[in-house]
Amino acid sequence: MHESTTLRPAPRWALLTGLAILTLTLFAVPVLARNDGQSNVAGAREATARFHDLSAAQAAGYAVQVADLAGITCIESASSGAMGVHYLNPSLAPELGDPTAAATVDASTPELLVYAPGPNGQLRLVALEYLALKANWDAHNAEPPSLFGRSFDSTDAGNRFGLPAFYSLHAWIWDPNPTDLFAPFNPRVDCP
């Protein structure tokens, strides 16, 4: 006896599920695996958004207003613009008080917040700064620190802040910097 076999089309849900898996594999997974720093920038923005309110930043530990050796708190360069006013969270930079402490960096917890003074004296969050003392970092790491796919800048001892040599990275995530997202100074920022 000979039986005939009838082929039925596959259910639509199976076809749609297959297409969805293929789409995720081709598009979403590479985006999630990408290490170009953009996801870290978004994470840093999310983690620091509440610090637009200076009192919230101070309550979170960003309570030390940084001054250079001349007592200047709004840091600027005659040729490159300004950084602004820095507020340090000492608990995020333990190596500043303990020469044996290991230096660490984390995109979601910058050591400093940078505020630009407005025309009315009101401070406005414009950038984040990440800081690690060079000796402390180098004692535990073979390479200089990096975040967002960018290596930190190096500043020698004998600097205007009186610090030992250090690594730093500015991230102008709250106020665009026409020079570069990671340039130390922003020509759009002025100190009074």
C-alpha atoms as a PDB file:
ATOM      1  CA  MET A   1       0.000   0.000   0.000  1.00  0.00           C
ATOM      2  CA  HIS A   2       1.274   3.437  -0.883  1.00  0.00           C
ATOM      3  CA  GLU A   3       0.488   6.430   1.328  1.00  0.00           C
ATOM      4  CA  SER A   4       0.830   9.974   0.108  1.00  0.00           C
ATOM      5  CA  THR A   5       2.486  12.566   2.273  1.00  0.00           C
ATOM      6  CA  THR A   6       1.231  16.105   2.281  1.00  0.00           C
ATOM      7  CA  LEU A   7       3.685  18.837   3.196  1.00  0.00           C
ATOM      8  CA  ARG A   8       2.225  21.581   5.259  1.00  0.00           C
ATOM      9  CA  PRO A   9       3.757  25.033   5.524  1.00  0.00           C
ATOM     10  CA  ALA A  10       5.577  25.730   8.805  1.00  0.00           C
ATOM     11  CA  PRO A  11       3.546  27.708  11.306  1.00  0.00           C
ATOM     12  CA  ARG A  12       4.117  31.448  11.062  1.00  0.00           C
ATOM     13  CA  TRP A  13       5.235  31.706  14.674  1.00  0.00           C
ATOM     14  CA  ALA A  14       8.203  29.444  13.964  1.00  0.00           C
ATOM     15  CA  LEU A  15       9.220  31.602  11.012  1.00  0.00           C
ATOM     16  CA  LEU A  16       8.855  34.809  13.029  1.00  0.00           C
ATOM     17  CA  THR A  17      10.820  33.343  15.954  1.00  0.00           C
ATOM     18  CA  GLY A  18      13.611  32.321  13.617  1.00  0.00           C
ATOM     19  CA  LEU A  19      13.739  35.801  12.084  1.00  0.00           C
ATOM     20  CA  ALA A  20      13.809  37.393  15.537  1.00  0.00           C
ATOM     21  CA  ILE A  21      16.732  35.203  16.632  1.00  0.00           C
ATOM     22  CA  LEU A  22      18.598  35.965  13.427  1.00  0.00           C
ATOM     23  CA  THR A  23      18.008  39.709  13.841  1.00  0.00           C
ATOM     24  CA  LEU A  24      19.254  39.647  17.450  1.00  0.00           C
ATOM     25  CA  THR A  25      22.318  37.670  16.444  1.00  0.00           C
ATOM     26  CA  LEU A  26      23.219  39.996  13.593  1.00  0.00           C
ATOM     27  CA  PHE A  27      22.470  43.344  15.200  1.00  0.00           C
ATOM     28  CA  ALA A  28      21.962  43.389  18.976  1.00  0.00           C
ATOM     29  CA  VAL A  29      24.746  41.060  20.109  1.00  0.00           C
ATOM     30  CA  PRO A  30      27.539  42.973  18.297  1.00  0.00           C
ATOM     31  CA  VAL A  31      26.248  46.249  19.761  1.00  0.00           C
ATOM     32  CA  LEU A  32      26.269  44.788  23.277  1.00  0.00           C
ATOM     33  CA  ALA A  33      29.754  43.345  22.794  1.00  0.00           C
ATOM     34  CA  ARG A  34      31.162  46.554  21.320  1.00  0.00           C
ATOM     35  CA  ASN A  35      33.846  48.130  23.515  1.00  0.00           C
ATOM     36  CA  ASP A  36      34.117  51.622  22.073  1.00  0.00           C
ATOM     37  CA  GLY A  37      33.261  53.394  25.314  1.00  0.00           C
ATOM     38  CA  GLN A  38      29.888  54.773  24.224  1.00  0.00           C
ATOM     39  CA  SER A  39      27.945  52.529  26.607  1.00  0.00           C
ATOM     40  CA  ASN A  40      30.242  53.672  29.444  1.00  0.00           C
ATOM     41  CA  VAL A  41      29.557  57.323  28.573  1.00  0.00           C
ATOM     42  CA  ALA A  42      25.830  56.651  28.778  1.00  0.00           C
ATOM     43  CA  GLY A  43      26.350  54.880  32.109  1.00  0.00           C
ATOM     44  CA  ALA A  44      28.396  57.802  33.444  1.00  0.00           C
ATOM     45  CA  ARG A  45      25.644  60.217  32.426  1.00  0.00           C
ATOM     46  CA  GLU A  46      23.027  58.099  34.155  1.00  0.00           C
ATOM     47  CA  ALA A  47      25.156  57.724  37.313  1.00  0.00           C
ATOM     48  CA  THR A  48      25.905  61.454  37.619  1.00  0.00           C
ATOM     49  CA  ALA A  49      22.654  63.054  36.408  1.00  0.00           C
ATOM     50  CA  ARG A  50      21.528  63.775  39.975  1.00  0.00           C
ATOM     51  CA  PHE A  51      24.653  65.894  40.539  1.00  0.00           C
ATOM     52  CA  HIS A  52      23.318  68.771  38.464  1.00  0.00           C
ATOM     53  CA  ASP A  53      22.079  69.792  41.897  1.00  0.00           C
ATOM     54  CA  LEU A  54      25.284  70.768  43.737  1.00  0.00           C
ATOM     55  CA  SER A  55      23.715  70.072  47.128  1.00  0.00           C
ATOM     56  CA  ALA A  56      23.000  66.480  46.021  1.00  0.00           C
ATOM     57  CA  ALA A  57      26.631  66.137  44.909  1.00  0.00           C
ATOM     58  CA  GLN A  58      27.882  67.481  48.229  1.00  0.00           C
ATOM     59  CA  ALA A  59      25.586  65.108  50.140  1.00  0.00           C
ATOM     60  CA  ALA A  60      27.049  62.233  48.086  1.00  0.00           C
ATOM     61  CA  GLY A  61      30.589  63.160  49.198  1.00  0.00           C
ATOM     62  CA  TYR A  62      31.714  65.684  46.552  1.00  0.00           C
ATOM     63  CA  ALA A  63      32.323  68.181  49.307  1.00  0.00           C
ATOM     64  CA  VAL A  64      35.920  69.355  48.773  1.00  0.00           C
ATOM     65  CA  GLN A  65      36.207  72.355  46.483  1.00  0.00           C
ATOM     66  CA  VAL A  66      39.625  72.053  44.827  1.00  0.00           C
ATOM     67  CA  ALA A  67      41.994  75.030  44.672  1.00  0.00           C
ATOM     68  CA  ASP A  68      45.416  75.295  43.082  1.00  0.00           C
ATOM     69  CA  LEU A  69      48.492  76.420  45.030  1.00  0.00           C
ATOM     70  CA  ALA A  70      47.538  80.069  44.409  1.00  0.00           C
ATOM     71  CA  GLY A  71      44.087  79.482  45.934  1.00  0.00           C
ATOM     72  CA  ILE A  72      42.298  79.676  42.553  1.00  0.00           C
ATOM     73  CA  THR A  73      39.201  77.479  42.413  1.00  0.00           C
ATOM     74  CA  CYS A  74      38.002  78.148  38.857  1.00  0.00           C
ATOM     75  CA  ILE A  75      40.732  76.580  36.740  1.00  0.00           C
ATOM     76  CA  GLU A  76      41.439  78.118  33.343  1.00  0.00           C
ATOM     77  CA  SER A  77      44.089  78.361  30.649  1.00  0.00           C
ATOM     78  CA  ALA A  78      44.837  81.620  28.860  1.00  0.00           C
ATOM     79  CA  SER A  79      44.933  79.819  25.507  1.00  0.00           C
ATOM     80  CA  SER A  80      42.573  76.830  25.828  1.00  0.00           C
ATOM     81  CA  GLY A  81      39.509  77.955  27.770  1.00  0.00           C
ATOM     82  CA  ALA A  82      38.641  76.737  31.243  1.00  0.00           C
ATOM     83  CA  MET A  83      37.874  73.615  33.208  1.00  0.00           C
ATOM     84  CA  GLY A  84      35.736  75.249  35.849  1.00  0.00           C
ATOM     85  CA  VAL A  85      35.304  74.556  39.553  1.00  0.00           C
ATOM     86  CA  HIS A  86      36.154  71.042  40.744  1.00  0.00           C
ATOM     87  CA  TYR A  87      34.514  69.202  43.626  1.00  0.00           C
ATOM     88  CA  LEU A  88      36.394  66.143  44.900  1.00  0.00           C
ATOM     89  CA  ASN A  89      34.910  63.102  46.605  1.00  0.00           C
ATOM     90  CA  PRO A  90      37.855  62.040  48.833  1.00  0.00           C
ATOM     91  CA  SER A  91      36.425  58.568  49.437  1.00  0.00           C
ATOM     92  CA  LEU A  92      36.828  57.835  45.718  1.00  0.00           C
ATOM     93  CA  ALA A  93      40.531  58.780  45.737  1.00  0.00           C
ATOM     94  CA  PRO A  94      41.903  57.121  48.895  1.00  0.00           C
ATOM     95  CA  GLU A  95      45.463  57.323  47.526  1.00  0.00           C
ATOM     96  CA  LEU A  96      45.392  61.094  48.148  1.00  0.00           C
ATOM     97  CA  GLY A  97      45.483  60.394  51.885  1.00  0.00           C
ATOM     98  CA  ASP A  98      47.121  56.965  51.948  1.00  0.00           C
ATOM     99  CA  PRO A  99      50.258  56.456  49.892  1.00  0.00           C
ATOM    100  CA  THR A 100      49.781  52.671  50.049  1.00  0.00           C
ATOM    101  CA  ALA A 101      46.189  52.667  48.770  1.00  0.00           C
ATOM    102  CA  ALA A 102      45.543  51.193  45.349  1.00  0.00           C
ATOM    103  CA  ALA A 103      44.196  53.671  42.819  1.00  0.00           C
ATOM    104  CA  THR A 104      41.069  52.625  40.915  1.00  0.00           C
ATOM    105  CA  VAL A 105      38.880  54.192  38.249  1.00  0.00           C
ATOM    106  CA  ASP A 106      35.248  53.528  37.437  1.00  0.00           C
ATOM    107  CA  ALA A 107      33.207  55.346  34.777  1.00  0.00           C
ATOM    108  CA  SER A 108      30.165  55.577  37.055  1.00  0.00           C
ATOM    109  CA  THR A 109      32.052  57.105  39.997  1.00  0.00           C
ATOM    110  CA  PRO A 110      34.300  59.987  38.913  1.00  0.00           C
ATOM    111  CA  GLU A 111      36.639  61.288  41.577  1.00  0.00           C
ATOM    112  CA  LEU A 112      35.720  64.884  40.703  1.00  0.00           C
ATOM    113  CA  LEU A 113      32.741  66.762  39.316  1.00  0.00           C
ATOM    114  CA  VAL A 114      33.431  69.891  37.279  1.00  0.00           C
ATOM    115  CA  TYR A 115      31.054  72.872  37.386  1.00  0.00           C
ATOM    116  CA  ALA A 116      31.089  76.003  35.221  1.00  0.00           C
ATOM    117  CA  PRO A 117      30.142  79.293  36.834  1.00  0.00           C
ATOM    118  CA  GLY A 118      27.175  80.981  35.174  1.00  0.00           C
ATOM    119  CA  PRO A 119      26.625  84.724  34.741  1.00  0.00           C
ATOM    120  CA  ASN A 120      24.611  84.820  37.957  1.00  0.00           C
ATOM    121  CA  GLY A 121      27.242  82.879  39.924  1.00  0.00           C
ATOM    122  CA  GLN A 122      25.201  79.671  39.801  1.00  0.00           C
ATOM    123  CA  LEU A 123      27.332  76.568  39.172  1.00  0.00           C
ATOM    124  CA  ARG A 124      26.340  74.215  36.346  1.00  0.00           C
ATOM    125  CA  LEU A 125      27.618  70.611  36.015  1.00  0.00           C
ATOM    126  CA  VAL A 126      29.613  70.385  32.778  1.00  0.00           C
ATOM    127  CA  ALA A 127      32.137  67.553  33.087  1.00  0.00           C
ATOM    128  CA  LEU A 128      33.469  64.636  35.076  1.00  0.00           C
ATOM    129  CA  GLU A 129      37.109  64.147  35.977  1.00  0.00           C
ATOM    130  CA  TYR A 130      38.755  60.840  36.772  1.00  0.00           C
ATOM    131  CA  LEU A 131      41.970  60.928  38.801  1.00  0.00           C
ATOM    132  CA  ALA A 132      44.598  58.424  39.933  1.00  0.00           C
ATOM    133  CA  LEU A 133      47.990  59.161  41.460  1.00  0.00           C
ATOM    134  CA  LYS A 134      50.607  57.807  39.077  1.00  0.00           C
ATOM    135  CA  ALA A 135      52.747  55.962  41.667  1.00  0.00           C
ATOM    136  CA  ASN A 136      49.732  54.244  43.212  1.00  0.00           C
ATOM    137  CA  TRP A 137      48.292  53.247  39.845  1.00  0.00           C
ATOM    138  CA  ASP A 138      51.600  52.087  38.398  1.00  0.00           C
ATOM    139  CA  ALA A 139      52.333  49.951  41.489  1.00  0.00           C
ATOM    140  CA  HIS A 140      49.364  47.721  40.621  1.00  0.00           C
ATOM    141  CA  ASN A 141      48.939  48.116  36.847  1.00  0.00           C
ATOM    142  CA  ALA A 142      51.180  47.627  33.808  1.00  0.00           C
ATOM    143  CA  GLU A 143      49.395  50.267  31.679  1.00  0.00           C
ATOM    144  CA  PRO A 144      48.076  53.762  32.410  1.00  0.00           C
ATOM    145  CA  PRO A 145      44.357  53.905  33.227  1.00  0.00           C
ATOM    146  CA  SER A 146      41.782  54.263  30.468  1.00  0.00           C
ATOM    147  CA  LEU A 147      38.036  54.762  30.262  1.00  0.00           C
ATOM    148  CA  PHE A 148      35.675  55.241  27.331  1.00  0.00           C
ATOM    149  CA  GLY A 149      38.340  53.779  25.046  1.00  0.00           C
ATOM    150  CA  ARG A 150      40.680  56.653  25.919  1.00  0.00           C
ATOM    151  CA  SER A 151      43.952  56.639  27.906  1.00  0.00           C
ATOM    152  CA  PHE A 152      44.299  59.140  30.725  1.00  0.00           C
ATOM    153  CA  ASP A 153      46.522  62.212  30.439  1.00  0.00           C
ATOM    154  CA  SER A 154      49.638  62.294  32.628  1.00  0.00           C
ATOM    155  CA  THR A 155      50.625  65.326  34.705  1.00  0.00           C
ATOM    156  CA  ASP A 156      54.070  65.526  36.309  1.00  0.00           C
ATOM    157  CA  ALA A 157      54.841  66.465  39.894  1.00  0.00           C
ATOM    158  CA  GLY A 158      55.440  70.176  40.407  1.00  0.00           C
ATOM    159  CA  ASN A 159      52.020  70.980  38.931  1.00  0.00           C
ATOM    160  CA  ARG A 160      49.787  73.895  39.908  1.00  0.00           C
ATOM    161  CA  PHE A 161      47.896  71.700  42.421  1.00  0.00           C
ATOM    162  CA  GLY A 162      50.970  70.562  44.361  1.00  0.00           C
ATOM    163  CA  LEU A 163      50.098  66.915  43.726  1.00  0.00           C
ATOM    164  CA  PRO A 164      52.563  64.154  42.983  1.00  0.00           C
ATOM    165  CA  ALA A 165      52.481  62.974  39.360  1.00  0.00           C
ATOM    166  CA  PHE A 166      48.959  61.891  38.433  1.00  0.00           C
ATOM    167  CA  TYR A 167      46.755  60.528  35.676  1.00  0.00           C
ATOM    168  CA  SER A 168      43.516  62.309  34.810  1.00  0.00           C
ATOM    169  CA  LEU A 169      40.759  62.251  32.248  1.00  0.00           C
ATOM    170  CA  HIS A 170      38.079  64.879  31.744  1.00  0.00           C
ATOM    171  CA  ALA A 171      34.798  63.805  30.149  1.00  0.00           C
ATOM    172  CA  TRP A 172      32.663  66.743  28.967  1.00  0.00           C
ATOM    173  CA  ILE A 173      29.453  64.726  28.985  1.00  0.00           C
ATOM    174  CA  TRP A 174      27.206  67.532  30.237  1.00  0.00           C
ATOM    175  CA  ASP A 175      28.461  70.441  28.113  1.00  0.00           C
ATOM    176  CA  PRO A 176      29.842  69.821  24.621  1.00  0.00           C
ATOM    177  CA  ASN A 177      33.508  70.630  24.170  1.00  0.00           C
ATOM    178  CA  PRO A 178      34.312  71.662  20.577  1.00  0.00           C
ATOM    179  CA  THR A 179      37.965  70.684  21.116  1.00  0.00           C
ATOM    180  CA  ASP A 180      37.279  67.069  22.143  1.00  0.00           C
ATOM    181  CA  LEU A 181      35.001  65.161  24.504  1.00  0.00           C
ATOM    182  CA  PHE A 182      38.083  64.325  26.603  1.00  0.00           C
ATOM    183  CA  ALA A 183      40.143  67.539  26.337  1.00  0.00           C
ATOM    184  CA  PRO A 184      41.203  69.028  29.695  1.00  0.00           C
ATOM    185  CA  PHE A 185      39.992  72.554  28.864  1.00  0.00           C
ATOM    186  CA  ASN A 186      36.792  73.694  27.170  1.00  0.00           C
ATOM    187  CA  PRO A 187      36.858  76.965  25.181  1.00  0.00           C
ATOM    188  CA  ARG A 188      33.127  77.392  25.898  1.00  0.00           C
ATOM    189  CA  VAL A 189      33.721  77.626  29.669  1.00  0.00           C
ATOM    190  CA  ASP A 190      34.811  80.884  31.311  1.00  0.00           C
ATOM    191  CA  CYS A 191      35.966  81.727  34.797  1.00  0.00           C
ATOM    192  CA  PRO A 192      34.835  85.084  36.200  1.00  0.00           C
END
